[in-house]
């Protein structure tokens, strides 16, 4: 996928497919013991990183993602 970029010499630049956020929701895990919620927090960050390493762009900023996941997991 490409998009016009008038500031780029060729006029085109690759665009990563964007995943609309917030996704996925971790709210269903908020009643787990705190230790398990922290493990899920680490997993959520690793999953997002893995998607980005595959070239996917997240519509939700990293700061918004962290804030949302912490709120959903109540940590």
PDB file of N, CA and C in Angstrom:
ATOM      1  N   UNK A   1       0.847  -1.168   0.000  1.00  0.00           N
ATOM      2  CA  UNK A   1       0.000   0.000   0.000  1.00  0.00           C
ATOM      3  C   UNK A   1       0.894   1.234   0.000  1.00  0.00           C
ATOM      4  N   UNK A   2       0.531   2.229  -0.794  1.00  0.00           N
ATOM      5  CA  UNK A   2       1.300   3.465  -0.832  1.00  0.00           C
ATOM      6  C   UNK A   2       0.364   4.660  -0.705  1.00  0.00           C
ATOM      7  N   UNK A   3       0.922   5.773  -0.342  1.00  0.00           N
ATOM      8  CA  UNK A   3       0.168   7.018  -0.228  1.00  0.00           C
ATOM      9  C   UNK A   3       1.011   8.138  -0.813  1.00  0.00           C
ATOM     10  N   UNK A   4       0.354   9.137  -1.346  1.00  0.00           N
ATOM     11  CA  UNK A   4       1.072  10.284  -1.893  1.00  0.00           C
ATOM     12  C   UNK A   4       1.687  11.094  -0.763  1.00  0.00           C
ATOM     13  N   UNK A   5       2.958  11.414  -0.926  1.00  0.00           N
ATOM     14  CA  UNK A   5       3.679  12.225   0.052  1.00  0.00           C
ATOM     15  C   UNK A   5       4.468  13.258  -0.738  1.00  0.00           C
ATOM     16  N   UNK A   6       3.961  14.470  -0.800  1.00  0.00           N
ATOM     17  CA  UNK A   6       4.592  15.498  -1.623  1.00  0.00           C
ATOM     18  C   UNK A   6       5.947  15.929  -1.102  1.00  0.00           C
ATOM     19  N   UNK A   7       6.290  15.613   0.139  1.00  0.00           N
ATOM     20  CA  UNK A   7       7.594  15.965   0.698  1.00  0.00           C
ATOM     21  C   UNK A   7       8.654  14.916   0.400  1.00  0.00           C
ATOM     22  N   UNK A   8       8.258  13.765  -0.086  1.00  0.00           N
ATOM     23  CA  UNK A   8       9.189  12.683  -0.405  1.00  0.00           C
ATOM     24  C   UNK A   8       9.601  12.840  -1.870  1.00  0.00           C
ATOM     25  N   UNK A   9      10.894  12.628  -2.193  1.00  0.00           N
ATOM     26  CA  UNK A   9      11.361  12.837  -3.565  1.00  0.00           C
ATOM     27  C   UNK A   9      10.563  12.063  -4.612  1.00  0.00           C
ATOM     28  N   UNK A  10      10.178  10.854  -4.318  1.00  0.00           N
ATOM     29  CA  UNK A  10       9.442  10.050  -5.292  1.00  0.00           C
ATOM     30  C   UNK A  10       7.941  10.330  -5.251  1.00  0.00           C
ATOM     31  N   UNK A  11       7.483  11.026  -4.236  1.00  0.00           N
ATOM     32  CA  UNK A  11       6.069  11.335  -4.116  1.00  0.00           C
ATOM     33  C   UNK A  11       5.247  10.233  -3.481  1.00  0.00           C
ATOM     34  N   UNK A  12       5.861   9.079  -3.290  1.00  0.00           N
ATOM     35  CA  UNK A  12       5.159   7.950  -2.685  1.00  0.00           C
ATOM     36  C   UNK A  12       5.964   7.412  -1.518  1.00  0.00           C
ATOM     37  N   UNK A  13       5.275   6.908  -0.551  1.00  0.00           N
ATOM     38  CA  UNK A  13       5.947   6.259   0.575  1.00  0.00           C
ATOM     39  C   UNK A  13       5.092   5.068   0.995  1.00  0.00           C
ATOM     40  N   UNK A  14       5.705   4.012   1.476  1.00  0.00           N
ATOM     41  CA  UNK A  14       4.914   2.868   1.933  1.00  0.00           C
ATOM     42  C   UNK A  14       4.123   3.229   3.183  1.00  0.00           C
ATOM     43  N   UNK A  15       2.948   2.699   3.272  1.00  0.00           N
ATOM     44  CA  UNK A  15       2.088   2.931   4.427  1.00  0.00           C
ATOM     45  C   UNK A  15       1.736   1.581   5.026  1.00  0.00           C
ATOM     46  N   UNK A  16       1.953   1.431   6.325  1.00  0.00           N
ATOM     47  CA  UNK A  16       1.614   0.180   6.996  1.00  0.00           C
ATOM     48  C   UNK A  16       0.111   0.110   7.197  1.00  0.00           C
ATOM     49  N   UNK A  17      -0.461  -1.093   7.051  1.00  0.00           N
ATOM     50  CA  UNK A  17      -1.886  -1.236   7.358  1.00  0.00           C
ATOM     51  C   UNK A  17      -2.120  -0.865   8.820  1.00  0.00           C
ATOM     52  N   UNK A  18      -3.158  -0.108   9.080  1.00  0.00           N
ATOM     53  CA  UNK A  18      -3.445   0.332  10.451  1.00  0.00           C
ATOM     54  C   UNK A  18      -4.508  -0.549  11.081  1.00  0.00           C
ATOM     55  N   UNK A  19      -4.271  -0.907  12.343  1.00  0.00           N
ATOM     56  CA  UNK A  19      -5.260  -1.641  13.116  1.00  0.00           C
ATOM     57  C   UNK A  19      -5.990  -0.614  13.963  1.00  0.00           C
ATOM     58  N   UNK A  20      -7.292  -0.531  13.768  1.00  0.00           N
ATOM     59  CA  UNK A  20      -8.085   0.430  14.541  1.00  0.00           C
ATOM     60  C   UNK A  20      -8.140  -0.013  15.994  1.00  0.00           C
ATOM     61  N   UNK A  21      -7.988   0.927  16.891  1.00  0.00           N
ATOM     62  CA  UNK A  21      -8.013   0.592  18.309  1.00  0.00           C
ATOM     63  C   UNK A  21      -9.256   1.130  18.960  1.00  0.00           C
ATOM     64  N   UNK A  22      -9.505   0.920  20.167  1.00  0.00           N
ATOM     65  CA  UNK A  22      -8.685   0.063  21.033  1.00  0.00           C
ATOM     66  C   UNK A  22      -9.003  -1.413  20.804  1.00  0.00           C
ATOM     67  N   UNK A  23      -7.970  -2.203  20.692  1.00  0.00           N
ATOM     68  CA  UNK A  23      -8.138  -3.618  20.420  1.00  0.00           C
ATOM     69  C   UNK A  23      -6.922  -4.363  20.913  1.00  0.00           C
ATOM     70  N   UNK A  24      -6.995  -5.511  21.462  1.00  0.00           N
ATOM     71  CA  UNK A  24      -8.192  -6.112  22.051  1.00  0.00           C
ATOM     72  C   UNK A  24      -8.475  -5.521  23.427  1.00  0.00           C
ATOM     73  N   UNK A  25      -9.600  -5.896  23.995  1.00  0.00           N
ATOM     74  CA  UNK A  25      -9.960  -5.426  25.336  1.00  0.00           C
ATOM     75  C   UNK A  25      -9.480  -6.440  26.377  1.00  0.00           C
ATOM     76  N   UNK A  26      -8.965  -5.927  27.468  1.00  0.00           N
ATOM     77  CA  UNK A  26      -8.503  -6.779  28.565  1.00  0.00           C
ATOM     78  C   UNK A  26      -9.397  -6.645  29.793  1.00  0.00           C
ATOM     79  N   UNK A  27     -10.536  -5.967  29.641  1.00  0.00           N
ATOM     80  CA  UNK A  27     -11.433  -5.689  30.769  1.00  0.00           C
ATOM     81  C   UNK A  27     -11.963  -6.957  31.429  1.00  0.00           C
ATOM     82  N   UNK A  28     -12.131  -8.017  30.662  1.00  0.00           N
ATOM     83  CA  UNK A  28     -12.682  -9.248  31.231  1.00  0.00           C
ATOM     84  C   UNK A  28     -11.727  -9.916  32.220  1.00  0.00           C
ATOM     85  N   UNK A  29     -10.482  -9.451  32.294  1.00  0.00           N
ATOM     86  CA  UNK A  29      -9.496 -10.051  33.190  1.00  0.00           C
ATOM     87  C   UNK A  29      -9.291  -9.262  34.483  1.00  0.00           C
ATOM     88  N   UNK A  30     -10.046  -8.195  34.689  1.00  0.00           N
ATOM     89  CA  UNK A  30      -9.803  -7.314  35.840  1.00  0.00           C
ATOM     90  C   UNK A  30     -10.055  -7.983  37.187  1.00  0.00           C
ATOM     91  N   UNK A  31     -10.778  -9.096  37.218  1.00  0.00           N
ATOM     92  CA  UNK A  31     -11.055  -9.784  38.482  1.00  0.00           C
ATOM     93  C   UNK A  31     -10.040 -10.880  38.807  1.00  0.00           C
ATOM     94  N   UNK A  32      -9.052 -11.066  37.950  1.00  0.00           N
ATOM     95  CA  UNK A  32      -8.002 -12.049  38.234  1.00  0.00           C
ATOM     96  C   UNK A  32      -7.101 -11.520  39.347  1.00  0.00           C
ATOM     97  N   UNK A  33      -6.351 -12.410  39.986  1.00  0.00           N
ATOM     98  CA  UNK A  33      -5.382 -11.950  40.994  1.00  0.00           C
ATOM     99  C   UNK A  33      -4.373 -10.982  40.363  1.00  0.00           C
ATOM    100  N   UNK A  34      -3.856 -10.077  41.187  1.00  0.00           N
ATOM    101  CA  UNK A  34      -2.967  -9.023  40.688  1.00  0.00           C
ATOM    102  C   UNK A  34      -1.778  -9.577  39.917  1.00  0.00           C
ATOM    103  N   UNK A  35      -1.169 -10.629  40.397  1.00  0.00           N
ATOM    104  CA  UNK A  35      -0.002 -11.216  39.718  1.00  0.00           C
ATOM    105  C   UNK A  35      -0.350 -11.613  38.285  1.00  0.00           C
ATOM    106  N   UNK A  36      -1.503 -12.236  38.098  1.00  0.00           N
ATOM    107  CA  UNK A  36      -1.915 -12.659  36.756  1.00  0.00           C
ATOM    108  C   UNK A  36      -2.231 -11.458  35.861  1.00  0.00           C
ATOM    109  N   UNK A  37      -2.772 -10.391  36.448  1.00  0.00           N
ATOM    110  CA  UNK A  37      -3.047  -9.184  35.663  1.00  0.00           C
ATOM    111  C   UNK A  37      -1.750  -8.545  35.182  1.00  0.00           C
ATOM    112  N   UNK A  38      -0.695  -8.571  36.022  1.00  0.00           N
ATOM    113  CA  UNK A  38       0.598  -8.025  35.587  1.00  0.00           C
ATOM    114  C   UNK A  38       1.203  -8.875  34.471  1.00  0.00           C
ATOM    115  N   UNK A  39       0.996 -10.191  34.538  1.00  0.00           N
ATOM    116  CA  UNK A  39       1.469 -11.068  33.458  1.00  0.00           C
ATOM    117  C   UNK A  39       0.740 -10.722  32.158  1.00  0.00           C
ATOM    118  N   UNK A  40      -0.574 -10.506  32.240  1.00  0.00           N
ATOM    119  CA  UNK A  40      -1.343 -10.119  31.058  1.00  0.00           C
ATOM    120  C   UNK A  40      -0.892  -8.768  30.507  1.00  0.00           C
ATOM    121  N   UNK A  41      -0.548  -7.853  31.397  1.00  0.00           N
ATOM    122  CA  UNK A  41      -0.039  -6.539  30.978  1.00  0.00           C
ATOM    123  C   UNK A  41       1.223  -6.727  30.128  1.00  0.00           C
ATOM    124  N   UNK A  42       2.140  -7.555  30.605  1.00  0.00           N
ATOM    125  CA  UNK A  42       3.355  -7.835  29.842  1.00  0.00           C
ATOM    126  C   UNK A  42       3.049  -8.501  28.512  1.00  0.00           C
ATOM    127  N   UNK A  43       2.084  -9.407  28.514  1.00  0.00           N
ATOM    128  CA  UNK A  43       1.683 -10.085  27.280  1.00  0.00           C
ATOM    129  C   UNK A  43       1.065  -9.106  26.287  1.00  0.00           C
ATOM    130  N   UNK A  44       0.262  -8.182  26.792  1.00  0.00           N
ATOM    131  CA  UNK A  44      -0.371  -7.186  25.918  1.00  0.00           C
ATOM    132  C   UNK A  44       0.691  -6.334  25.226  1.00  0.00           C
ATOM    133  N   UNK A  45       1.701  -5.910  25.976  1.00  0.00           N
ATOM    134  CA  UNK A  45       2.776  -5.106  25.392  1.00  0.00           C
ATOM    135  C   UNK A  45       3.560  -5.919  24.365  1.00  0.00           C
ATOM    136  N   UNK A  46       3.839  -7.180  24.676  1.00  0.00           N
ATOM    137  CA  UNK A  46       4.585  -8.034  23.751  1.00  0.00           C
ATOM    138  C   UNK A  46       3.787  -8.292  22.476  1.00  0.00           C
ATOM    139  N   UNK A  47       2.473  -8.489  22.611  1.00  0.00           N
ATOM    140  CA  UNK A  47       1.622  -8.738  21.449  1.00  0.00           C
ATOM    141  C   UNK A  47       1.590  -7.513  20.534  1.00  0.00           C
ATOM    142  N   UNK A  48       1.459  -6.347  21.119  1.00  0.00           N
ATOM    143  CA  UNK A  48       1.459  -5.113  20.321  1.00  0.00           C
ATOM    144  C   UNK A  48       2.792  -4.960  19.595  1.00  0.00           C
ATOM    145  N   UNK A  49       3.886  -5.214  20.305  1.00  0.00           N
ATOM    146  CA  UNK A  49       5.215  -5.115  19.704  1.00  0.00           C
ATOM    147  C   UNK A  49       5.358  -6.094  18.542  1.00  0.00           C
ATOM    148  N   UNK A  50       4.865  -7.323  18.716  1.00  0.00           N
ATOM    149  CA  UNK A  50       4.952  -8.330  17.659  1.00  0.00           C
ATOM    150  C   UNK A  50       4.177  -7.891  16.417  1.00  0.00           C
ATOM    151  N   UNK A  51       3.004  -7.308  16.612  1.00  0.00           N
ATOM    152  CA  UNK A  51       2.227  -6.815  15.472  1.00  0.00           C
ATOM    153  C   UNK A  51       2.966  -5.694  14.749  1.00  0.00           C
ATOM    154  N   UNK A  52       3.582  -4.804  15.510  1.00  0.00           N
ATOM    155  CA  UNK A  52       4.311  -3.697  14.895  1.00  0.00           C
ATOM    156  C   UNK A  52       5.556  -4.194  14.167  1.00  0.00           C
ATOM    157  N   UNK A  53       6.207  -5.210  14.688  1.00  0.00           N
ATOM    158  CA  UNK A  53       7.380  -5.773  14.014  1.00  0.00           C
ATOM    159  C   UNK A  53       7.003  -6.430  12.687  1.00  0.00           C
ATOM    160  N   UNK A  54       5.745  -6.840  12.563  1.00  0.00           N
ATOM    161  CA  UNK A  54       5.258  -7.419  11.309  1.00  0.00           C
ATOM    162  C   UNK A  54       4.847  -6.340  10.314  1.00  0.00           C
ATOM    163  N   UNK A  55       4.976  -5.072  10.721  1.00  0.00           N
ATOM    164  CA  UNK A  55       4.677  -3.973   9.821  1.00  0.00           C
ATOM    165  C   UNK A  55       3.307  -3.360   9.999  1.00  0.00           C
ATOM    166  N   UNK A  56       2.562  -3.792  10.996  1.00  0.00           N
ATOM    167  CA  UNK A  56       1.240  -3.221  11.232  1.00  0.00           C
ATOM    168  C   UNK A  56       1.354  -1.967  12.088  1.00  0.00           C
ATOM    169  N   UNK A  57       0.580  -0.976  11.755  1.00  0.00           N
ATOM    170  CA  UNK A  57       0.559   0.271  12.521  1.00  0.00           C
ATOM    171  C   UNK A  57      -0.698   0.290  13.375  1.00  0.00           C
ATOM    172  N   UNK A  58      -0.558   0.732  14.592  1.00  0.00           N
ATOM    173  CA  UNK A  58      -1.698   0.803  15.499  1.00  0.00           C
ATOM    174  C   UNK A  58      -2.272   2.214  15.459  1.00  0.00           C
ATOM    175  N   UNK A  59      -3.584   2.318  15.319  1.00  0.00           N
ATOM    176  CA  UNK A  59      -4.236   3.631  15.317  1.00  0.00           C
ATOM    177  C   UNK A  59      -4.157   4.270  16.700  1.00  0.00           C
ATOM    178  N   UNK A  60      -4.134   3.445  17.736  1.00  0.00           N
ATOM    179  CA  UNK A  60      -4.060   3.919  19.120  1.00  0.00           C
ATOM    180  C   UNK A  60      -2.596   4.191  19.471  1.00  0.00           C
ATOM    181  N   UNK A  61      -2.293   5.362  20.001  1.00  0.00           N
ATOM    182  CA  UNK A  61      -0.911   5.675  20.372  1.00  0.00           C
ATOM    183  C   UNK A  61      -0.446   4.732  21.486  1.00  0.00           C
ATOM    184  N   UNK A  62       0.873   4.611  21.627  1.00  0.00           N
ATOM    185  CA  UNK A  62       1.406   3.718  22.657  1.00  0.00           C
ATOM    186  C   UNK A  62       0.992   4.180  24.050  1.00  0.00           C
ATOM    187  N   UNK A  63       1.064   5.488  24.297  1.00  0.00           N
ATOM    188  CA  UNK A  63       0.667   6.010  25.613  1.00  0.00           C
ATOM    189  C   UNK A  63      -0.803   5.732  25.901  1.00  0.00           C
ATOM    190  N   UNK A  64      -1.660   5.917  24.894  1.00  0.00           N
ATOM    191  CA  UNK A  64      -3.089   5.640  25.075  1.00  0.00           C
ATOM    192  C   UNK A  64      -3.316   4.150  25.306  1.00  0.00           C
ATOM    193  N   UNK A  65      -2.549   3.313  24.607  1.00  0.00           N
ATOM    194  CA  UNK A  65      -2.640   1.863  24.785  1.00  0.00           C
ATOM    195  C   UNK A  65      -2.295   1.468  26.220  1.00  0.00           C
ATOM    196  N   UNK A  66      -1.168   1.975  26.729  1.00  0.00           N
ATOM    197  CA  UNK A  66      -0.742   1.650  28.092  1.00  0.00           C
ATOM    198  C   UNK A  66      -1.779   2.127  29.105  1.00  0.00           C
ATOM    199  N   UNK A  67      -2.260   3.337  28.928  1.00  0.00           N
ATOM    200  CA  UNK A  67      -3.266   3.887  29.846  1.00  0.00           C
ATOM    201  C   UNK A  67      -4.536   3.034  29.831  1.00  0.00           C
ATOM    202  N   UNK A  68      -4.983   2.639  28.642  1.00  0.00           N
ATOM    203  CA  UNK A  68      -6.197   1.835  28.514  1.00  0.00           C
ATOM    204  C   UNK A  68      -6.024   0.454  29.136  1.00  0.00           C
ATOM    205  N   UNK A  69      -4.920  -0.214  28.828  1.00  0.00           N
ATOM    206  CA  UNK A  69      -4.700  -1.564  29.356  1.00  0.00           C
ATOM    207  C   UNK A  69      -4.591  -1.530  30.880  1.00  0.00           C
ATOM    208  N   UNK A  70      -3.885  -0.544  31.420  1.00  0.00           N
ATOM    209  CA  UNK A  70      -3.783  -0.421  32.883  1.00  0.00           C
ATOM    210  C   UNK A  70      -5.159  -0.207  33.507  1.00  0.00           C
ATOM    211  N   UNK A  71      -5.981   0.617  32.881  1.00  0.00           N
ATOM    212  CA  UNK A  71      -7.330   0.859  33.409  1.00  0.00           C
ATOM    213  C   UNK A  71      -8.181  -0.403  33.310  1.00  0.00           C
ATOM    214  N   UNK A  72      -8.095  -1.102  32.181  1.00  0.00           N
ATOM    215  CA  UNK A  72      -8.897  -2.311  31.992  1.00  0.00           C
ATOM    216  C   UNK A  72      -8.484  -3.416  32.955  1.00  0.00           C
ATOM    217  N   UNK A  73      -7.186  -3.503  33.255  1.00  0.00           N
ATOM    218  CA  UNK A  73      -6.698  -4.537  34.176  1.00  0.00           C
ATOM    219  C   UNK A  73      -6.708  -4.067  35.630  1.00  0.00           C
ATOM    220  N   UNK A  74      -7.061  -2.810  35.843  1.00  0.00           N
ATOM    221  CA  UNK A  74      -7.105  -2.220  37.188  1.00  0.00           C
ATOM    222  C   UNK A  74      -5.757  -2.362  37.897  1.00  0.00           C
ATOM    223  N   UNK A  75      -4.694  -1.957  37.183  1.00  0.00           N
ATOM    224  CA  UNK A  75      -3.341  -1.993  37.770  1.00  0.00           C
ATOM    225  C   UNK A  75      -2.714  -0.613  37.691  1.00  0.00           C
TER     226      UNK A  75
END
